[in-house]
N, C-alpha and C. Protein backbone atom coordinates (compact mmCIF):
# COMPACT_ATOMS: atom_id res chain seq x y z
N MET A 1 1.00 -1.28 0.03
CA MET A 1 0.21 -0.94 -0.77
C MET A 1 0.63 1.59 0.10
N ALA A 2 0.53 2.69 -0.40
CA ALA A 2 1.12 3.63 -1.38
C ALA A 2 1.03 3.67 0.85
N VAL A 3 2.21 4.87 0.91
CA VAL A 3 1.82 6.06 1.72
C VAL A 3 0.99 6.85 1.70
N ARG A 4 0.63 7.23 0.86
CA ARG A 4 -0.34 8.29 0.41
C ARG A 4 -1.76 7.42 0.47
N GLU A 5 -1.22 6.47 -0.02
CA GLU A 5 -2.72 5.94 0.61
C GLU A 5 -3.50 5.14 2.14
N ARG A 6 -1.67 4.82 3.04
CA ARG A 6 -2.39 4.95 4.13
C ARG A 6 -2.74 5.61 4.94
N LEU A 7 -2.29 7.17 4.43
CA LEU A 7 -2.76 8.19 5.10
C LEU A 7 -4.19 8.32 5.16
N GLN A 8 -4.12 8.18 3.50
CA GLN A 8 -5.64 8.13 3.90
C GLN A 8 -6.90 7.90 4.40
N LYS A 9 -6.16 6.44 3.98
CA LYS A 9 -7.51 5.05 5.17
C LYS A 9 -7.11 5.35 6.84
N GLN A 10 -6.09 6.02 7.10
CA GLN A 10 -5.84 6.59 8.98
C GLN A 10 -6.77 7.77 8.92
N ALA A 11 -6.27 8.25 7.73
CA ALA A 11 -7.45 9.97 8.00
C ALA A 11 -9.42 9.77 8.07
N LYS A 12 -9.41 8.51 8.02
CA LYS A 12 -10.71 7.88 7.16
C LYS A 12 -10.94 7.12 7.99
N TYR A 13 -10.20 6.55 9.12
CA TYR A 13 -10.75 6.14 10.61
C TYR A 13 -11.15 7.11 11.60
N TRP A 14 -10.25 8.07 12.10
CA TRP A 14 -9.83 8.82 12.83
C TRP A 14 -11.19 9.83 12.22
N ARG A 15 -11.41 10.72 11.02
CA ARG A 15 -12.62 11.32 11.02
C ARG A 15 -13.53 10.92 11.24
N ASN A 16 -13.70 8.99 11.58
CA ASN A 16 -15.30 8.38 11.81
C ASN A 16 -15.11 8.15 12.46
N ALA A 17 -13.76 7.25 13.06
CA ALA A 17 -13.86 7.15 14.60
C ALA A 17 -14.59 8.03 15.62
N LEU A 18 -14.11 9.85 15.46
CA LEU A 18 -14.22 10.91 15.94
C LEU A 18 -15.52 11.70 15.69
N SER A 19 -16.74 10.79 14.92
CA SER A 19 -17.45 12.13 14.95
C SER A 19 -18.18 11.52 15.56
N GLY A 20 -18.85 12.95 15.28
CA GLY A 20 -19.96 12.81 17.01
C GLY A 20 -19.76 13.75 18.42
N THR A 21 -18.22 12.71 18.54
CA THR A 21 -17.67 13.47 19.79
C THR A 21 -17.37 15.27 20.02
N ALA A 22 -17.77 15.20 21.08
CA ALA A 22 -17.34 17.09 21.45
C ALA A 22 -16.45 17.29 21.25
N ARG A 23 -16.79 18.54 20.83
CA ARG A 23 -14.85 18.89 20.61
C ARG A 23 -14.70 19.78 21.37
N LEU A 24 -13.55 19.32 21.50
CA LEU A 24 -12.39 19.99 23.29
C LEU A 24 -11.74 21.90 23.13
N VAL A 25 -12.29 21.99 23.74
CA VAL A 25 -12.31 23.98 24.26
C VAL A 25 -11.89 23.85 25.26
N LEU A 26 -10.50 25.04 25.88
CA LEU A 26 -9.76 24.65 25.48
C LEU A 26 -8.96 26.30 26.26
N PRO A 27 -9.47 26.51 27.30
CA PRO A 27 -9.09 28.23 27.04
C PRO A 27 -7.07 28.72 26.46
N THR A 28 -7.54 30.30 25.17
CA THR A 28 -7.11 30.63 25.17
C THR A 28 -5.37 31.59 26.00
N ASP A 29 -4.28 31.79 26.00
CA ASP A 29 -3.89 32.39 26.61
C ASP A 29 -3.86 34.63 25.66
N ARG A 30 -4.22 33.97 24.50
CA ARG A 30 -4.84 35.34 23.82
C ARG A 30 -5.54 34.72 22.72
N ALA A 31 -6.70 36.23 21.56
CA ALA A 31 -7.04 36.21 20.59
C ALA A 31 -6.00 35.01 19.61
N ARG A 32 -7.26 34.06 18.41
CA ARG A 32 -6.30 32.81 17.43
C ARG A 32 -6.93 34.61 16.38
N PRO A 33 -5.84 33.52 15.09
CA PRO A 33 -6.04 34.43 14.04
C PRO A 33 -6.83 34.07 13.55
N ALA A 34 -7.52 34.17 12.54
CA ALA A 34 -8.28 34.44 11.12
C ALA A 34 -8.33 32.62 10.76
N GLN A 35 -6.72 32.96 10.32
CA GLN A 35 -6.38 31.45 9.65
C GLN A 35 -5.65 30.72 10.26
N GLN A 36 -5.58 29.26 10.56
CA GLN A 36 -5.43 28.67 11.38
C GLN A 36 -3.92 28.76 10.87
N SER A 37 -3.19 28.00 11.69
CA SER A 37 -1.98 27.98 11.59
C SER A 37 -1.87 26.60 12.25
N PHE A 38 -0.11 25.87 12.07
CA PHE A 38 -0.03 24.04 12.62
C PHE A 38 1.36 24.97 13.28
N ALA A 39 2.15 26.13 13.11
CA ALA A 39 2.93 26.59 13.89
C ALA A 39 3.09 26.35 14.94
N GLY A 40 4.32 26.00 15.76
CA GLY A 40 4.09 26.78 17.20
C GLY A 40 4.94 25.26 18.43
N ALA A 41 5.52 25.40 19.24
CA ALA A 41 6.54 25.03 19.31
C ALA A 41 6.00 23.82 20.91
N SER A 42 7.37 23.34 21.58
CA SER A 42 6.37 21.80 22.02
C SER A 42 7.51 21.85 23.53
N VAL A 43 6.32 21.62 24.69
CA VAL A 43 6.80 22.12 26.15
C VAL A 43 7.61 19.88 26.57
N PRO A 44 8.78 19.95 26.37
CA PRO A 44 9.71 18.38 26.20
C PRO A 44 8.91 18.09 28.84
N VAL A 45 7.60 17.15 28.45
CA VAL A 45 7.88 17.27 29.90
C VAL A 45 8.97 16.21 30.90
N VAL A 46 8.99 15.87 31.82
CA VAL A 46 10.45 14.81 31.90
C VAL A 46 9.99 14.59 33.45
N ILE A 47 9.78 12.94 33.66
CA ILE A 47 8.53 12.04 35.09
C ILE A 47 9.52 11.50 35.41
N ASP A 48 10.45 12.17 37.30
CA ASP A 48 11.39 12.00 37.73
C ASP A 48 11.39 10.96 38.54
N ALA A 49 12.42 9.38 38.19
CA ALA A 49 12.01 8.18 39.37
C ALA A 49 11.95 8.03 40.18
N ASP A 50 11.29 8.52 40.85
CA ASP A 50 10.68 9.47 42.57
C ASP A 50 9.13 9.01 41.69
N LEU A 51 8.69 9.58 40.87
CA LEU A 51 7.38 9.96 41.17
C LEU A 51 7.34 8.31 39.93
N THR A 52 7.93 8.45 38.68
CA THR A 52 7.56 6.83 37.81
C THR A 52 7.77 6.12 38.89
N ARG A 53 8.34 5.63 39.54
CA ARG A 53 8.04 4.29 41.15
C ARG A 53 6.67 4.49 41.79
N ASP A 54 6.49 6.05 42.14
CA ASP A 54 4.46 6.10 42.53
C ASP A 54 4.02 5.36 41.33
N LEU A 55 3.67 5.78 40.62
CA LEU A 55 2.82 5.98 39.35
C LEU A 55 2.63 4.58 38.99
N LYS A 56 3.91 3.65 39.11
CA LYS A 56 3.93 2.63 38.86
C LYS A 56 3.35 1.66 40.16
N ARG A 57 3.76 1.62 41.58
CA ARG A 57 3.27 1.84 42.18
C ARG A 57 1.32 2.00 42.49
N LEU A 58 0.86 2.66 42.00
CA LEU A 58 -0.53 3.51 42.16
C LEU A 58 -1.20 1.78 40.47
N SER A 59 -0.57 2.12 39.28
CA SER A 59 -0.88 1.70 38.91
C SER A 59 -1.32 -0.13 38.75
N ARG A 60 -0.39 -1.36 40.13
CA ARG A 60 0.02 -1.80 40.29
C ARG A 60 -1.26 -1.88 41.62
N GLN A 61 -1.40 -0.87 43.01
CA GLN A 61 -2.55 -1.43 42.80
C GLN A 61 -4.27 -1.36 42.19
N HIS A 62 -4.06 -0.68 41.22
CA HIS A 62 -5.50 -0.54 40.90
C HIS A 62 -5.43 -1.65 39.27
N GLY A 63 -4.28 -2.62 39.33
CA GLY A 63 -4.73 -3.37 38.29
C GLY A 63 -4.27 -2.96 36.98
N THR A 64 -4.03 -2.05 36.40
CA THR A 64 -3.81 -1.44 35.33
C THR A 64 -2.40 -0.46 34.74
N THR A 65 -2.27 -1.02 33.45
CA THR A 65 -0.95 -0.09 33.36
C THR A 65 -0.56 1.73 34.01
N LEU A 66 0.73 1.23 32.96
CA LEU A 66 1.01 2.73 33.03
C LEU A 66 0.73 3.88 32.44
N PHE A 67 0.73 3.20 31.06
CA PHE A 67 0.34 3.70 29.96
C PHE A 67 -1.47 4.75 30.78
N LEU A 68 -2.34 3.33 31.05
CA LEU A 68 -3.64 4.32 31.40
C LEU A 68 -3.51 4.81 32.48
N THR A 69 -2.16 5.20 33.50
CA THR A 69 -2.77 5.98 34.77
C THR A 69 -2.22 6.41 34.34
N VAL A 70 -1.37 6.92 33.27
CA VAL A 70 -0.97 8.92 33.13
C VAL A 70 -1.59 9.42 32.34
N LEU A 71 -3.32 8.87 31.45
CA LEU A 71 -3.92 9.16 30.99
C LEU A 71 -4.98 9.70 31.39
N ALA A 72 -5.08 8.68 32.10
CA ALA A 72 -6.30 9.23 32.97
C ALA A 72 -6.02 10.38 34.05
N GLY A 73 -4.02 11.23 34.73
CA GLY A 73 -4.52 11.71 34.58
C GLY A 73 -4.08 12.70 33.43
N TRP A 74 -3.78 13.16 32.47
CA TRP A 74 -4.19 13.52 31.41
C TRP A 74 -5.77 13.82 30.77
N ALA A 75 -6.58 13.21 31.31
CA ALA A 75 -7.77 12.82 30.92
C ALA A 75 -8.58 14.20 32.15
N ALA A 76 -7.98 14.07 33.44
CA ALA A 76 -8.56 14.75 34.34
C ALA A 76 -7.72 16.46 33.77
N VAL A 77 -6.10 16.30 33.55
CA VAL A 77 -5.72 18.02 32.97
C VAL A 77 -6.92 18.29 32.46
N LEU A 78 -7.78 17.65 31.65
CA LEU A 78 -7.83 18.71 29.92
C LEU A 78 -9.12 18.21 30.52
N SER A 79 -10.59 17.51 31.59
CA SER A 79 -11.56 18.85 32.41
C SER A 79 -11.68 19.25 33.55
N ARG A 80 -10.23 19.35 33.85
CA ARG A 80 -9.93 20.60 34.31
C ARG A 80 -10.16 22.31 33.41
N LEU A 81 -9.25 22.41 32.70
CA LEU A 81 -7.99 23.08 32.22
C LEU A 81 -10.25 23.38 30.85
N SER A 82 -10.52 21.98 30.97
CA SER A 82 -11.93 22.62 29.74
C SER A 82 -13.17 22.74 30.15
N GLY A 83 -13.40 22.02 31.45
CA GLY A 83 -13.67 22.27 32.43
C GLY A 83 -15.63 21.76 31.48
N GLN A 84 -15.28 19.80 30.32
CA GLN A 84 -15.92 19.61 30.01
C GLN A 84 -15.87 18.15 30.94
N ASP A 85 -16.91 17.59 31.85
CA ASP A 85 -16.53 16.11 32.34
C ASP A 85 -15.39 14.81 31.78
N ASP A 86 -15.80 14.64 30.59
CA ASP A 86 -15.67 13.59 29.79
C ASP A 86 -15.43 14.13 28.38
N PRO A 87 -14.07 15.55 28.59
CA PRO A 87 -13.42 15.79 27.25
C PRO A 87 -13.07 14.50 26.29
N PRO A 88 -12.91 14.00 25.05
CA PRO A 88 -12.54 13.57 24.14
C PRO A 88 -10.77 13.31 23.64
N HIS A 89 -10.24 12.66 24.30
CA HIS A 89 -8.75 11.39 23.41
C HIS A 89 -9.24 10.41 21.88
N PRO A 90 -7.94 10.95 21.68
CA PRO A 90 -7.82 9.94 20.20
C PRO A 90 -8.47 8.66 20.45
N LEU A 91 -8.34 8.34 20.88
CA LEU A 91 -8.31 6.19 22.23
C LEU A 91 -10.01 5.26 21.61
N PRO A 92 -9.27 4.21 21.21
CA PRO A 92 -10.65 3.73 21.25
C PRO A 92 -11.19 3.04 22.60
N THR A 93 -13.06 3.12 22.12
CA THR A 93 -13.50 2.95 24.34
C THR A 93 -12.94 1.63 24.22
N GLU A 94 -13.26 0.47 23.30
CA GLU A 94 -12.71 -1.10 24.04
C GLU A 94 -10.79 -1.32 22.89
N LEU A 95 -10.52 -1.81 24.67
CA LEU A 95 -9.02 -1.25 24.84
C LEU A 95 -8.52 -2.98 24.57
N SER A 96 -7.33 -2.47 24.21
CA SER A 96 -6.47 -4.62 23.46
C SER A 96 -5.52 -4.26 24.04
N GLY A 97 -4.80 -5.19 23.58
CA GLY A 97 -3.37 -5.07 24.06
C GLY A 97 -2.81 -4.69 25.10
N PRO A 98 -1.30 -5.03 24.77
CA PRO A 98 -0.54 -4.98 25.98
C PRO A 98 -0.09 -3.66 27.04
N ALA A 99 -0.32 -2.53 26.55
CA ALA A 99 -0.28 -1.22 26.98
C ALA A 99 -1.61 -1.38 27.35
N PHE A 100 -2.60 -2.13 27.46
CA PHE A 100 -4.19 -1.69 28.63
C PHE A 100 -4.54 -2.19 29.55
N HIS A 101 -3.77 -3.42 29.13
CA HIS A 101 -3.68 -4.29 30.92
C HIS A 101 -2.48 -4.42 31.71
N ALA A 102 -3.23 -4.75 32.52
CA ALA A 102 -1.67 -4.96 33.29
C ALA A 102 -1.14 -6.69 33.70
N PRO A 103 -0.65 -6.64 33.66
CA PRO A 103 0.60 -8.01 33.30
C PRO A 103 0.38 -8.13 35.10
N GLU A 104 0.51 -9.45 35.14
CA GLU A 104 0.14 -10.80 35.60
C GLU A 104 0.98 -10.06 37.06
N ALA A 105 0.24 -10.07 37.95
CA ALA A 105 1.52 -10.54 39.53
C ALA A 105 2.30 -11.66 39.72
N ASP A 106 2.92 -11.95 40.18
CA ASP A 106 3.67 -12.92 40.12
C ASP A 106 4.01 -13.75 41.28
């Protein structure tokens, strides 16, 4: 499958998956231009060893993965910033695969 075709297929998937989803509205620090631009910057996030250890422990206590624990925290931040109870996120509702399941206890 050609790259362009694969990208079109992926874009179609996400348009369908997110159709009908409430738009995430976050507060802004200034007025946005009429013409949208995708120019921007990134903000690195560093999670130190102590916090990582605590997050892993919290994940184990709740029988989930570190990925889902961090995702839940991010959803809480988006909810608080947007004032929405259930902010949209680009993840399928039926989660499967190793990233979504806690490893079996030894």
